[in-house]
């Protein structure tokens, strides 16, 4: 069965597969243009990696410089993006507090801050006394160096995805949830070129003139249906959250603390808009898969040592989150050469990058622009 896009009227038919924060942002921006838009999501908005992300808006440790700048520009776009959505999506600023407890860690932190300040990033080294003034409820033992980044923040990705899709629906987009993609039809298009002509789903085939794949870790298998190889290693991560608590942080949105003992990872936490506290340990290189209740209690115990007010909180495990992660760590964004009407948007820092990727991808998809800022992120770099 072929599902005709209603109200085509000669307008370009664009299909977006994936309604996490990146796909939903692209869909929202496309819906503001003169296209016939269909969004397909195998589950619910933000139910995949977006809903299991630490969701921290930053450009603190992102290299090289052009990737840092890309994230910084998107951070600056978040307020405007949220105003356009007209919804509370959990966007909270306040900055990040981070410290080290070893001499080696202090040297690395000072070096990073010096580099970031040279780039104009608003972060500064502070002493332990100022740390305690900024966040009196934080316990720190043996601080060798600390930094406060005042422009960093947090957001709730599922809320963003839902708001994007609601605005897209209001503009006439069709949103198909709980609709897995089963295949792609590749062949001769009506304009004489080759490419994807239809997306096959459990509800029927949907014809398209352009296809956007923004399905996170699922992007690799979907692209393979069109004969494309998108390198993406497995990158699991574990987060936990607590039951809702009264406000625990006075100023900052995010706290990064050093390992509490040898062999453990750094601890990071943030309090969400609903009062629950999200807690993670280690970096994206840790590749943890232990989301057992025992490990959940262990993570909460470590977090309590940093934020004693968490005493009495209940630890709740979260499903393992598999991060979208191109093999070189940088995003893949843009049309693909072998399948010229297929646009890929795959990246790890999707929460930070969602506003700018939605804007720039729309310029390329609708207007045929070739955005210079995106040239670093083409799939062709893996050829």
Protein backbone atom coordinates (compact mmCIF):
# COMPACT_ATOMS: atom_id res chain seq x y z
CA UNK A 1 0.00 0.00 0.00
CA UNK A 2 1.30 3.45 -0.93
CA UNK A 3 0.29 6.30 1.36
CA UNK A 4 -0.02 9.54 -0.56
CA UNK A 5 1.12 12.64 1.28
CA UNK A 6 -2.04 14.75 1.61
CA UNK A 7 -2.12 18.17 0.07
CA UNK A 8 0.99 17.75 -2.08
CA UNK A 9 0.04 20.52 -4.54
CA UNK A 10 3.42 20.17 -6.22
CA UNK A 11 5.30 20.89 -2.99
CA UNK A 12 8.44 18.93 -2.18
CA UNK A 13 7.64 15.87 -0.09
CA UNK A 14 10.11 15.46 2.77
CA UNK A 15 10.13 12.53 5.18
CA UNK A 16 12.03 12.69 8.48
CA UNK A 17 12.74 9.36 10.17
CA UNK A 18 13.41 9.79 13.87
CA UNK A 19 11.70 11.97 16.48
CA UNK A 20 14.41 12.31 19.05
CA UNK A 21 15.64 15.79 19.79
CA UNK A 22 17.60 16.14 16.51
CA UNK A 23 14.96 14.70 14.19
CA UNK A 24 12.21 16.67 15.94
CA UNK A 25 14.18 19.91 15.62
CA UNK A 26 14.73 19.31 11.91
CA UNK A 27 11.03 18.52 11.51
CA UNK A 28 10.04 21.70 13.36
CA UNK A 29 12.25 23.89 11.18
CA UNK A 30 11.10 22.16 7.98
CA UNK A 31 7.46 22.66 8.99
CA UNK A 32 8.01 26.42 8.85
CA UNK A 33 8.79 26.12 5.15
CA UNK A 34 6.68 25.30 2.07
CA UNK A 35 7.06 21.51 2.08
CA UNK A 36 4.82 18.53 2.60
CA UNK A 37 6.28 16.94 5.70
CA UNK A 38 5.91 13.50 7.24
CA UNK A 39 7.69 12.44 10.44
CA UNK A 40 8.10 8.76 11.22
CA UNK A 41 9.10 7.47 14.66
CA UNK A 42 9.29 3.83 15.69
CA UNK A 43 8.31 4.68 19.27
CA UNK A 44 7.31 7.88 21.01
CA UNK A 45 8.98 11.31 20.78
CA UNK A 46 12.28 11.32 22.65
CA UNK A 47 11.81 7.72 23.82
CA UNK A 48 15.20 6.54 22.58
CA UNK A 49 18.61 7.97 23.42
CA UNK A 50 17.18 11.49 23.82
CA UNK A 51 15.22 10.31 26.85
CA UNK A 52 18.32 8.65 28.35
CA UNK A 53 20.74 11.51 27.84
CA UNK A 54 22.35 13.58 30.58
CA UNK A 55 21.09 16.52 28.49
CA UNK A 56 23.77 19.00 29.43
CA UNK A 57 24.24 22.05 27.17
CA UNK A 58 27.92 22.82 26.81
CA UNK A 59 30.97 23.19 24.62
CA UNK A 60 33.50 22.66 27.39
CA UNK A 61 35.68 19.78 26.22
CA UNK A 62 34.76 19.63 22.56
CA UNK A 63 37.58 19.50 20.05
CA UNK A 64 38.80 20.51 17.53
CA UNK A 65 38.11 24.22 17.57
CA UNK A 66 35.49 24.13 14.79
CA UNK A 67 33.47 21.55 16.72
CA UNK A 68 33.73 23.66 19.87
CA UNK A 69 32.52 26.69 17.88
CA UNK A 70 29.65 24.70 16.37
CA UNK A 71 28.40 23.71 19.82
CA UNK A 72 28.90 27.24 21.17
CA UNK A 73 26.79 28.71 18.38
CA UNK A 74 24.03 26.22 19.10
CA UNK A 75 24.11 27.01 22.82
CA UNK A 76 23.49 30.64 21.92
CA UNK A 77 20.53 29.57 19.74
CA UNK A 78 18.70 27.71 22.51
CA UNK A 79 16.80 30.70 23.94
CA UNK A 80 15.51 31.73 20.50
CA UNK A 81 14.62 28.11 19.69
CA UNK A 82 12.64 27.77 22.92
CA UNK A 83 10.74 31.01 22.33
CA UNK A 84 9.69 29.72 18.93
CA UNK A 85 8.46 26.49 20.47
CA UNK A 86 6.39 28.42 23.03
CA UNK A 87 6.65 25.67 25.63
CA UNK A 88 8.48 24.89 28.86
CA UNK A 89 11.05 22.32 27.75
CA UNK A 90 13.07 22.30 30.96
CA UNK A 91 15.63 24.80 29.69
CA UNK A 92 17.60 26.00 32.71
CA UNK A 93 20.85 27.94 32.74
CA UNK A 94 23.01 28.67 35.79
CA UNK A 95 26.27 27.17 34.64
CA UNK A 96 28.44 24.26 35.63
CA UNK A 97 30.70 23.75 38.65
CA UNK A 98 33.61 21.34 38.18
CA UNK A 99 36.65 20.58 40.30
CA UNK A 100 39.64 18.28 40.55
CA UNK A 101 41.30 16.64 43.55
CA UNK A 102 44.65 15.56 42.08
CA UNK A 103 47.64 17.59 40.90
CA UNK A 104 47.46 15.99 37.45
CA UNK A 105 43.74 16.72 37.16
CA UNK A 106 44.34 20.31 38.26
CA UNK A 107 46.99 20.84 35.61
CA UNK A 108 44.69 19.46 32.90
CA UNK A 109 41.77 21.60 34.07
CA UNK A 110 43.86 24.79 34.13
CA UNK A 111 45.18 24.05 30.64
CA UNK A 112 41.66 23.51 29.33
CA UNK A 113 40.35 26.70 30.92
CA UNK A 114 43.22 28.70 29.44
CA UNK A 115 42.41 27.35 25.97
CA UNK A 116 38.69 28.01 26.36
CA UNK A 117 39.21 31.55 27.61
CA UNK A 118 41.41 32.21 24.57
CA UNK A 119 38.39 31.18 22.47
CA UNK A 120 36.16 33.58 24.41
CA UNK A 121 34.30 30.89 26.34
CA UNK A 122 32.93 32.29 29.64
CA UNK A 123 34.61 30.04 32.17
CA UNK A 124 36.97 30.93 35.01
CA UNK A 125 39.09 29.25 37.64
CA UNK A 126 37.81 29.68 41.18
CA UNK A 127 39.08 28.67 44.61
CA UNK A 128 37.40 26.39 47.09
CA UNK A 129 35.95 29.31 49.07
CA UNK A 130 34.17 30.64 45.98
CA UNK A 131 32.95 27.13 45.18
CA UNK A 132 31.21 27.04 48.52
CA UNK A 133 29.73 30.50 48.00
CA UNK A 134 28.30 29.41 44.64
CA UNK A 135 26.96 26.09 45.96
CA UNK A 136 26.94 25.89 49.78
CA UNK A 137 25.40 22.41 49.73
CA UNK A 138 28.24 20.79 47.81
CA UNK A 139 30.85 18.76 49.71
CA UNK A 140 34.33 18.67 48.19
CA UNK A 141 37.40 17.05 49.66
CA UNK A 142 40.88 18.13 48.63
CA UNK A 143 40.16 20.60 45.84
CA UNK A 144 43.26 21.24 43.70
CA UNK A 145 41.51 23.32 41.01
CA UNK A 146 37.94 24.32 40.18
CA UNK A 147 36.13 26.03 37.33
CA UNK A 148 32.79 27.77 36.95
CA UNK A 149 31.29 27.95 33.44
CA UNK A 150 28.42 30.40 33.69
CA UNK A 151 26.86 29.83 30.25
CA UNK A 152 26.18 26.09 30.50
CA UNK A 153 22.79 24.60 31.25
CA UNK A 154 20.33 21.76 30.83
CA UNK A 155 17.14 20.85 29.01
CA UNK A 156 14.59 18.01 28.90
CA UNK A 157 14.95 16.33 25.47
CA UNK A 158 11.58 14.49 25.41
CA UNK A 159 9.80 17.77 26.18
CA UNK A 160 11.69 19.44 23.34
CA UNK A 161 10.78 16.64 20.94
CA UNK A 162 7.10 16.75 21.89
CA UNK A 163 6.95 20.54 21.53
CA UNK A 164 8.67 20.40 18.12
CA UNK A 165 6.22 17.82 16.83
CA UNK A 166 3.21 19.71 18.19
CA UNK A 167 4.31 22.86 16.35
CA UNK A 168 4.98 20.79 13.23
CA UNK A 169 1.49 19.25 13.40
CA UNK A 170 -0.04 22.69 13.77
CA UNK A 171 1.78 23.70 10.57
CA UNK A 172 0.28 20.74 8.70
CA UNK A 173 2.90 18.01 9.15
CA UNK A 174 1.82 14.42 9.53
CA UNK A 175 3.45 12.61 12.47
CA UNK A 176 3.39 8.81 12.54
CA UNK A 177 4.37 7.38 15.93
CA UNK A 178 4.93 3.73 16.83
CA UNK A 179 5.62 3.16 13.13
CA UNK A 180 8.85 1.24 12.41
CA UNK A 181 10.55 1.63 9.04
CA UNK A 182 10.91 -1.75 7.30
CA UNK A 183 12.73 -0.72 4.12
CA UNK A 184 13.61 1.98 1.62
CA UNK A 185 12.67 1.98 -2.05
CA UNK A 186 15.60 3.21 -4.12
CA UNK A 187 15.28 3.89 -7.83
CA UNK A 188 14.56 6.50 -10.50
CA UNK A 189 12.79 9.58 -9.17
CA UNK A 190 10.20 11.65 -11.02
CA UNK A 191 12.81 14.34 -11.75
CA UNK A 192 14.95 11.77 -13.54
CA UNK A 193 17.53 11.42 -10.79
CA UNK A 194 18.14 8.38 -8.63
CA UNK A 195 17.55 8.12 -4.91
CA UNK A 196 15.01 7.08 -2.31
CA UNK A 197 11.50 7.22 -3.75
CA UNK A 198 9.56 5.80 -0.80
CA UNK A 199 9.93 4.81 2.84
CA UNK A 200 8.44 1.42 3.64
CA UNK A 201 6.75 1.22 7.05
CA UNK A 202 4.53 -1.16 8.96
CA UNK A 203 1.63 1.11 7.96
CA UNK A 204 2.44 1.30 4.25
CA UNK A 205 4.84 3.01 1.87
CA UNK A 206 5.31 6.78 2.02
CA UNK A 207 6.56 8.47 -1.13
CA UNK A 208 9.20 11.16 -0.78
CA UNK A 209 11.36 13.57 -2.72
CA UNK A 210 13.88 13.88 0.12
CA UNK A 211 14.53 11.64 3.10
CA UNK A 212 16.14 12.71 6.38
CA UNK A 213 17.58 9.98 8.61
CA UNK A 214 17.89 11.27 12.18
CA UNK A 215 17.24 8.04 14.04
CA UNK A 216 20.24 8.01 16.37
CA UNK A 217 21.89 4.62 16.69
CA UNK A 218 19.31 3.24 14.25
CA UNK A 219 20.59 5.50 11.48
CA UNK A 220 23.30 3.02 10.49
CA UNK A 221 20.88 0.14 9.84
CA UNK A 222 18.40 2.42 8.06
CA UNK A 223 21.09 3.85 5.79
CA UNK A 224 22.22 0.33 4.96
CA UNK A 225 18.78 -0.22 3.40
CA UNK A 226 19.89 2.31 0.77
CA UNK A 227 23.34 0.76 0.41
CA UNK A 228 25.16 3.31 2.58
CA UNK A 229 27.79 2.49 5.17
CA UNK A 230 27.70 4.79 8.19
CA UNK A 231 30.42 3.82 10.70
CA UNK A 232 29.07 3.85 14.24
CA UNK A 233 30.58 1.79 17.07
CA UNK A 234 28.53 0.76 20.07
CA UNK A 235 28.66 3.38 22.85
CA UNK A 236 26.55 2.41 25.88
CA UNK A 237 26.21 4.52 28.98
CA UNK A 238 24.46 4.27 32.33
CA UNK A 239 22.55 7.02 34.14
CA UNK A 240 20.24 6.85 37.13
CA UNK A 241 17.73 9.26 38.56
CA UNK A 242 16.01 9.82 41.87
CA UNK A 243 12.51 10.50 42.98
CA UNK A 244 11.60 14.24 42.98
CA UNK A 245 13.40 16.26 45.63
CA UNK A 246 13.15 19.87 46.83
CA UNK A 247 15.58 22.27 45.11
CA UNK A 248 19.11 21.12 45.97
CA UNK A 249 21.33 23.44 43.92
CA UNK A 250 21.37 27.14 44.64
CA UNK A 251 23.04 28.46 41.48
CA UNK A 252 24.37 25.96 38.96
CA UNK A 253 22.56 23.56 36.68
CA UNK A 254 25.29 20.92 36.49
CA UNK A 255 27.96 19.58 38.86
CA UNK A 256 31.03 17.59 37.80
CA UNK A 257 33.08 16.09 40.62
CA UNK A 258 36.31 14.08 40.42
CA UNK A 259 36.50 10.35 41.22
CA UNK A 260 35.85 9.71 44.89
CA UNK A 261 38.34 6.87 45.07
CA UNK A 262 40.87 5.10 42.90
CA UNK A 263 39.24 3.11 40.13
CA UNK A 264 35.94 5.02 40.15
CA UNK A 265 34.89 7.54 37.54
CA UNK A 266 33.98 11.18 37.84
CA UNK A 267 30.47 11.89 39.16
CA UNK A 268 28.14 14.31 37.41
CA UNK A 269 24.65 15.31 38.40
CA UNK A 270 21.89 17.76 37.64
CA UNK A 271 18.42 18.39 39.05
CA UNK A 272 15.68 18.33 36.46
CA UNK A 273 12.66 20.59 36.30
CA UNK A 274 10.46 17.92 37.95
CA UNK A 275 12.81 17.80 40.97
CA UNK A 276 14.40 14.45 40.20
CA UNK A 277 18.20 14.29 40.15
CA UNK A 278 20.02 12.66 37.25
CA UNK A 279 23.36 11.07 38.11
CA UNK A 280 26.10 9.61 35.96
CA UNK A 281 29.63 8.38 36.47
CA UNK A 282 32.56 8.46 34.08
CA UNK A 283 32.81 9.76 30.53
CA UNK A 284 31.50 8.53 27.19
CA UNK A 285 34.58 6.30 26.99
CA UNK A 286 33.49 4.30 30.05
CA UNK A 287 31.05 2.15 28.01
CA UNK A 288 29.19 0.91 31.07
CA UNK A 289 26.31 -1.54 30.74
CA UNK A 290 25.58 -2.15 34.42
CA UNK A 291 22.15 -0.73 35.16
CA UNK A 292 21.42 -3.16 37.98
CA UNK A 293 19.73 -1.98 41.15
CA UNK A 294 22.97 -2.71 43.02
CA UNK A 295 24.95 -0.39 40.75
CA UNK A 296 22.15 2.18 40.92
CA UNK A 297 22.41 2.27 44.70
CA UNK A 298 26.18 2.53 44.43
CA UNK A 299 25.94 5.55 42.13
CA UNK A 300 23.49 7.27 44.44
CA UNK A 301 25.77 6.59 47.41
CA UNK A 302 28.62 8.33 45.61
CA UNK A 303 26.40 11.26 44.67
CA UNK A 304 25.31 11.66 48.32
CA UNK A 305 28.94 12.24 49.31
CA UNK A 306 29.02 15.21 46.94
CA UNK A 307 25.50 16.48 47.62
CA UNK A 308 24.57 15.37 51.16
CA UNK A 309 21.03 16.72 50.74
CA UNK A 310 20.39 13.63 48.60
CA UNK A 311 20.09 11.66 51.83
CA UNK A 312 16.71 9.94 51.80
CA UNK A 313 16.44 10.04 47.98
CA UNK A 314 15.33 6.87 46.24
CA UNK A 315 17.52 5.55 43.40
CA UNK A 316 15.77 4.57 40.17
CA UNK A 317 17.68 2.78 37.38
CA UNK A 318 17.26 3.89 33.78
CA UNK A 319 17.51 1.72 30.66
CA UNK A 320 20.98 1.66 29.15
CA UNK A 321 21.40 4.53 26.73
CA UNK A 322 23.25 3.80 23.49
CA UNK A 323 24.78 7.03 22.29
CA UNK A 324 24.69 7.96 18.60
CA UNK A 325 28.42 8.03 17.95
CA UNK A 326 30.08 8.26 14.53
CA UNK A 327 33.39 6.42 14.62
CA UNK A 328 35.53 9.59 14.75
CA UNK A 329 33.33 11.27 17.38
CA UNK A 330 32.22 14.12 15.10
CA UNK A 331 28.72 14.56 13.64
CA UNK A 332 27.65 13.29 10.24
CA UNK A 333 25.38 15.88 8.63
CA UNK A 334 24.36 16.36 5.02
CA UNK A 335 23.25 14.77 1.77
CA UNK A 336 25.07 11.63 0.71
CA UNK A 337 26.77 11.30 -2.67
CA UNK A 338 25.65 7.77 -3.65
CA UNK A 339 22.01 8.50 -2.67
CA UNK A 340 21.74 12.22 -3.40
CA UNK A 341 18.31 12.88 -1.86
CA UNK A 342 19.11 11.13 1.43
CA UNK A 343 20.13 13.51 4.24
CA UNK A 344 21.84 12.15 7.37
CA UNK A 345 21.91 13.83 10.79
CA UNK A 346 23.83 11.68 13.26
CA UNK A 347 25.74 13.01 16.26
CA UNK A 348 26.57 12.43 19.92
CA UNK A 349 26.06 16.02 21.11
CA UNK A 350 22.54 16.09 19.75
CA UNK A 351 21.06 17.84 22.78
CA UNK A 352 23.41 20.80 22.53
CA UNK A 353 23.35 20.86 18.72
CA UNK A 354 19.62 20.39 18.05
CA UNK A 355 18.71 24.07 17.38
CA UNK A 356 21.52 24.84 14.95
CA UNK A 357 21.28 21.50 13.15
CA UNK A 358 17.55 22.03 12.61
CA UNK A 359 18.15 25.48 11.14
CA UNK A 360 21.09 24.59 8.90
CA UNK A 361 19.74 21.25 7.70
CA UNK A 362 16.57 23.03 6.58
CA UNK A 363 18.61 25.48 4.52
CA UNK A 364 20.31 22.60 2.75
CA UNK A 365 17.20 20.45 2.29
CA UNK A 366 14.77 23.17 1.18
CA UNK A 367 16.97 25.84 -0.39
CA UNK A 368 19.74 23.69 -1.78
CA UNK A 369 22.33 25.64 0.19
CA UNK A 370 25.73 24.18 0.95
CA UNK A 371 26.43 25.51 4.44
CA UNK A 372 30.14 26.03 4.94
CA UNK A 373 29.90 25.37 8.67
CA UNK A 374 28.76 21.82 7.93
CA UNK A 375 31.59 20.92 5.54
CA UNK A 376 33.55 19.34 8.41
CA UNK A 377 30.74 16.86 9.01
CA UNK A 378 30.03 15.21 5.66
CA UNK A 379 29.81 11.45 5.31
CA UNK A 380 32.33 11.65 2.46
CA UNK A 381 35.19 12.07 4.96
CA UNK A 382 35.04 8.31 5.56
CA UNK A 383 35.61 7.45 1.88
